[in-house]
Amino acid sequence: MFYVYVLFCADHKLYIGFSEDLKRRIDEHQKGRVISTKHRRPLQLIYYECYCNGQDAKAREVYLKSGGGHREFKKQNKNELKRLGYQCL
């Protein structure tokens, strides 16, 4: 399986990633083994999607990182993001 996931970081920003092993990847983030989130801990997994095809998952990650995808994600998850204290709604 392939996963696209969103983390809420201590700096109140979002991190969007892709992995074949979601549990392992989240553990790497939490332990500071991922350079892009090492100094943004603690992190909270707030969303993920599962795909059978890696190309589909990668395309979804790229889309969510784009302006339109980021806006769509924030719109769909507005209440949870507000609860977490996300500033950029």
N, C-alpha and C. Protein backbone atom coordinates (compact mmCIF):
# COMPACT_ATOMS: atom_id res chain seq x y z
N MET A 1 0.84 -1.18 0.00
CA MET A 1 0.00 0.00 0.00
C MET A 1 0.89 1.25 0.00
N PHE A 2 0.32 2.34 -0.44
CA PHE A 2 1.02 3.63 -0.51
C PHE A 2 0.16 4.68 0.19
N TYR A 3 0.82 5.56 0.88
CA TYR A 3 0.10 6.53 1.71
C TYR A 3 0.53 7.96 1.41
N VAL A 4 -0.45 8.84 1.45
CA VAL A 4 -0.22 10.28 1.42
C VAL A 4 -0.72 10.75 2.78
N TYR A 5 0.07 11.56 3.48
CA TYR A 5 -0.30 11.94 4.83
C TYR A 5 -0.03 13.41 5.09
N VAL A 6 -0.71 13.94 6.10
CA VAL A 6 -0.54 15.33 6.50
C VAL A 6 -0.25 15.36 7.99
N LEU A 7 0.81 16.06 8.34
CA LEU A 7 1.18 16.26 9.74
C LEU A 7 0.94 17.70 10.14
N PHE A 8 0.48 17.89 11.36
CA PHE A 8 0.39 19.24 11.93
C PHE A 8 1.61 19.38 12.82
N CYS A 9 2.41 20.41 12.55
CA CYS A 9 3.70 20.58 13.23
C CYS A 9 3.62 21.61 14.35
N ALA A 10 4.61 21.58 15.23
CA ALA A 10 4.65 22.49 16.37
C ALA A 10 4.70 23.95 15.94
N ASP A 11 5.18 24.24 14.73
CA ASP A 11 5.22 25.61 14.23
C ASP A 11 3.87 26.03 13.63
N HIS A 12 2.85 25.20 13.85
CA HIS A 12 1.48 25.45 13.38
C HIS A 12 1.38 25.49 11.86
N LYS A 13 2.24 24.71 11.20
CA LYS A 13 2.20 24.56 9.75
C LYS A 13 1.96 23.10 9.43
N LEU A 14 1.64 22.85 8.17
CA LEU A 14 1.36 21.49 7.72
C LEU A 14 2.56 20.92 6.97
N TYR A 15 2.73 19.62 7.08
CA TYR A 15 3.72 18.90 6.30
C TYR A 15 2.97 17.80 5.56
N ILE A 16 3.16 17.72 4.25
CA ILE A 16 2.51 16.72 3.41
C ILE A 16 3.57 15.75 2.90
N GLY A 17 3.32 14.46 3.08
CA GLY A 17 4.33 13.48 2.68
C GLY A 17 3.72 12.25 2.03
N PHE A 18 4.60 11.35 1.62
CA PHE A 18 4.25 10.13 0.90
C PHE A 18 5.12 9.01 1.46
N SER A 19 4.53 7.82 1.62
CA SER A 19 5.31 6.69 2.12
C SER A 19 4.65 5.38 1.74
N GLU A 20 5.45 4.33 1.66
CA GLU A 20 4.93 2.98 1.47
C GLU A 20 4.62 2.33 2.82
N ASP A 21 5.20 2.85 3.88
CA ASP A 21 4.99 2.31 5.22
C ASP A 21 4.69 3.48 6.16
N LEU A 22 3.42 3.76 6.34
CA LEU A 22 3.01 4.95 7.09
C LEU A 22 3.48 4.90 8.55
N LYS A 23 3.31 3.79 9.19
CA LYS A 23 3.70 3.67 10.60
C LYS A 23 5.20 3.94 10.79
N ARG A 24 6.03 3.34 9.94
CA ARG A 24 7.48 3.54 10.02
C ARG A 24 7.84 5.00 9.76
N ARG A 25 7.20 5.59 8.76
CA ARG A 25 7.52 6.97 8.38
C ARG A 25 7.14 7.95 9.48
N ILE A 26 5.98 7.76 10.10
CA ILE A 26 5.57 8.63 11.19
C ILE A 26 6.54 8.49 12.35
N ASP A 27 6.98 7.27 12.63
CA ASP A 27 7.97 7.03 13.68
C ASP A 27 9.27 7.77 13.37
N GLU A 28 9.70 7.76 12.12
CA GLU A 28 10.91 8.50 11.73
C GLU A 28 10.74 9.99 11.97
N HIS A 29 9.57 10.52 11.61
CA HIS A 29 9.29 11.93 11.86
C HIS A 29 9.36 12.23 13.36
N GLN A 30 8.70 11.41 14.16
CA GLN A 30 8.63 11.65 15.61
C GLN A 30 10.00 11.58 16.27
N LYS A 31 10.88 10.74 15.76
CA LYS A 31 12.21 10.57 16.34
C LYS A 31 13.23 11.57 15.79
N GLY A 32 12.79 12.48 14.92
CA GLY A 32 13.69 13.50 14.38
C GLY A 32 14.62 13.00 13.29
N ARG A 33 14.27 11.94 12.62
CA ARG A 33 15.11 11.37 11.56
C ARG A 33 14.80 11.92 10.18
N VAL A 34 13.84 12.85 10.10
CA VAL A 34 13.47 13.45 8.81
C VAL A 34 13.89 14.93 8.90
N ILE A 35 14.81 15.33 8.04
CA ILE A 35 15.38 16.68 8.11
C ILE A 35 14.31 17.76 8.05
N SER A 36 13.33 17.61 7.19
CA SER A 36 12.33 18.67 6.99
C SER A 36 11.39 18.85 8.18
N THR A 37 11.30 17.88 9.07
CA THR A 37 10.43 18.05 10.24
C THR A 37 11.18 17.93 11.56
N LYS A 38 12.46 17.73 11.50
CA LYS A 38 13.27 17.51 12.71
C LYS A 38 13.09 18.63 13.74
N HIS A 39 13.06 19.87 13.26
CA HIS A 39 12.97 21.01 14.17
C HIS A 39 11.54 21.54 14.28
N ARG A 40 10.57 20.74 13.83
CA ARG A 40 9.17 21.16 13.86
C ARG A 40 8.34 20.26 14.76
N ARG A 41 9.01 19.49 15.60
CA ARG A 41 8.33 18.56 16.50
C ARG A 41 7.83 19.29 17.74
N PRO A 42 6.79 18.76 18.41
CA PRO A 42 6.10 17.51 18.14
C PRO A 42 5.19 17.62 16.92
N LEU A 43 4.89 16.48 16.36
CA LEU A 43 4.07 16.38 15.16
C LEU A 43 2.84 15.55 15.45
N GLN A 44 1.78 15.84 14.73
CA GLN A 44 0.55 15.08 14.90
C GLN A 44 0.01 14.69 13.53
N LEU A 45 -0.21 13.40 13.34
CA LEU A 45 -0.83 12.92 12.11
C LEU A 45 -2.29 13.33 12.15
N ILE A 46 -2.70 14.14 11.16
CA ILE A 46 -4.09 14.59 11.17
C ILE A 46 -4.90 14.06 9.98
N TYR A 47 -4.21 13.44 9.00
CA TYR A 47 -4.93 12.99 7.82
C TYR A 47 -4.05 12.04 7.03
N TYR A 48 -4.67 11.02 6.44
CA TYR A 48 -3.94 10.18 5.49
C TYR A 48 -4.91 9.54 4.51
N GLU A 49 -4.38 9.19 3.37
CA GLU A 49 -5.11 8.48 2.32
C GLU A 49 -4.27 7.27 1.92
N CYS A 50 -4.95 6.20 1.55
CA CYS A 50 -4.28 4.96 1.18
C CYS A 50 -4.55 4.65 -0.29
N TYR A 51 -3.52 4.23 -1.00
CA TYR A 51 -3.63 3.91 -2.42
C TYR A 51 -2.98 2.56 -2.70
N CYS A 52 -3.51 1.86 -3.68
CA CYS A 52 -2.92 0.59 -4.13
C CYS A 52 -1.79 0.84 -5.12
N ASN A 53 -1.82 1.97 -5.79
CA ASN A 53 -0.85 2.29 -6.83
C ASN A 53 0.04 3.46 -6.38
N GLY A 54 1.34 3.26 -6.43
CA GLY A 54 2.29 4.28 -6.00
C GLY A 54 2.25 5.54 -6.84
N GLN A 55 2.03 5.40 -8.14
CA GLN A 55 1.97 6.59 -9.00
C GLN A 55 0.77 7.46 -8.66
N ASP A 56 -0.36 6.82 -8.34
CA ASP A 56 -1.54 7.58 -7.95
C ASP A 56 -1.30 8.33 -6.64
N ALA A 57 -0.67 7.65 -5.70
CA ALA A 57 -0.38 8.28 -4.40
C ALA A 57 0.58 9.45 -4.57
N LYS A 58 1.61 9.26 -5.37
CA LYS A 58 2.60 10.32 -5.59
C LYS A 58 1.94 11.53 -6.27
N ALA A 59 1.07 11.26 -7.23
CA ALA A 59 0.36 12.35 -7.91
C ALA A 59 -0.52 13.11 -6.93
N ARG A 60 -1.16 12.40 -6.00
CA ARG A 60 -2.01 13.06 -5.00
C ARG A 60 -1.16 13.92 -4.05
N GLU A 61 0.01 13.42 -3.68
CA GLU A 61 0.91 14.21 -2.83
C GLU A 61 1.29 15.50 -3.53
N VAL A 62 1.67 15.41 -4.79
CA VAL A 62 2.06 16.59 -5.56
C VAL A 62 0.89 17.57 -5.63
N TYR A 63 -0.32 17.05 -5.85
CA TYR A 63 -1.49 17.91 -5.92
C TYR A 63 -1.74 18.61 -4.58
N LEU A 64 -1.68 17.87 -3.48
CA LEU A 64 -1.93 18.49 -2.17
C LEU A 64 -0.89 19.55 -1.83
N LYS A 65 0.30 19.41 -2.36
CA LYS A 65 1.35 20.40 -2.13
C LYS A 65 1.18 21.63 -3.02
N SER A 66 0.35 21.52 -4.05
CA SER A 66 0.12 22.65 -4.95
C SER A 66 -0.83 23.64 -4.29
N GLY A 67 -0.92 24.82 -4.83
CA GLY A 67 -1.80 25.85 -4.28
C GLY A 67 -3.25 25.40 -4.21
N GLY A 68 -3.77 24.86 -5.30
CA GLY A 68 -5.16 24.42 -5.33
C GLY A 68 -5.43 23.25 -4.39
N GLY A 69 -4.52 22.31 -4.35
CA GLY A 69 -4.67 21.16 -3.47
C GLY A 69 -4.60 21.54 -2.01
N HIS A 70 -3.69 22.46 -1.70
CA HIS A 70 -3.55 22.94 -0.32
C HIS A 70 -4.82 23.66 0.12
N ARG A 71 -5.37 24.49 -0.76
CA ARG A 71 -6.63 25.19 -0.45
C ARG A 71 -7.77 24.20 -0.25
N GLU A 72 -7.86 23.20 -1.12
CA GLU A 72 -8.91 22.19 -1.01
C GLU A 72 -8.80 21.46 0.33
N PHE A 73 -7.58 21.06 0.68
CA PHE A 73 -7.38 20.34 1.94
C PHE A 73 -7.81 21.20 3.13
N LYS A 74 -7.40 22.46 3.13
CA LYS A 74 -7.75 23.35 4.25
C LYS A 74 -9.26 23.57 4.32
N LYS A 75 -9.91 23.66 3.19
CA LYS A 75 -11.36 23.86 3.15
C LYS A 75 -12.08 22.62 3.69
N GLN A 76 -11.64 21.44 3.28
CA GLN A 76 -12.28 20.20 3.70
C GLN A 76 -12.04 19.88 5.17
N ASN A 77 -10.96 20.37 5.73
CA ASN A 77 -10.58 20.05 7.11
C ASN A 77 -10.56 21.28 8.01
N LYS A 78 -11.35 22.27 7.65
CA LYS A 78 -11.35 23.57 8.33
C LYS A 78 -11.57 23.45 9.84
N ASN A 79 -12.54 22.69 10.27
CA ASN A 79 -12.86 22.61 11.70
C ASN A 79 -11.74 21.98 12.52
N GLU A 80 -11.15 20.92 12.00
CA GLU A 80 -10.04 20.28 12.71
C GLU A 80 -8.82 21.21 12.76
N LEU A 81 -8.53 21.86 11.65
CA LEU A 81 -7.39 22.78 11.62
C LEU A 81 -7.60 23.95 12.59
N LYS A 82 -8.82 24.43 12.64
CA LYS A 82 -9.16 25.51 13.57
C LYS A 82 -8.96 25.05 15.01
N ARG A 83 -9.40 23.84 15.32
CA ARG A 83 -9.25 23.28 16.66
C ARG A 83 -7.79 23.17 17.06
N LEU A 84 -6.93 22.84 16.10
CA LEU A 84 -5.50 22.70 16.37
C LEU A 84 -4.77 24.03 16.49
N GLY A 85 -5.41 25.12 16.05
CA GLY A 85 -4.78 26.42 16.11
C GLY A 85 -4.05 26.81 14.85
N TYR A 86 -4.40 26.17 13.74
CA TYR A 86 -3.79 26.50 12.45
C TYR A 86 -4.18 27.91 12.06
N GLN A 87 -3.22 28.74 11.71
CA GLN A 87 -3.43 30.16 11.49
C GLN A 87 -3.83 30.54 10.07
N CYS A 88 -3.51 29.74 9.10
CA CYS A 88 -3.65 30.15 7.69
C CYS A 88 -4.92 29.63 7.03
N LEU A 89 -6.06 29.93 7.61
CA LEU A 89 -7.32 29.48 7.00
C LEU A 89 -7.92 30.57 6.16
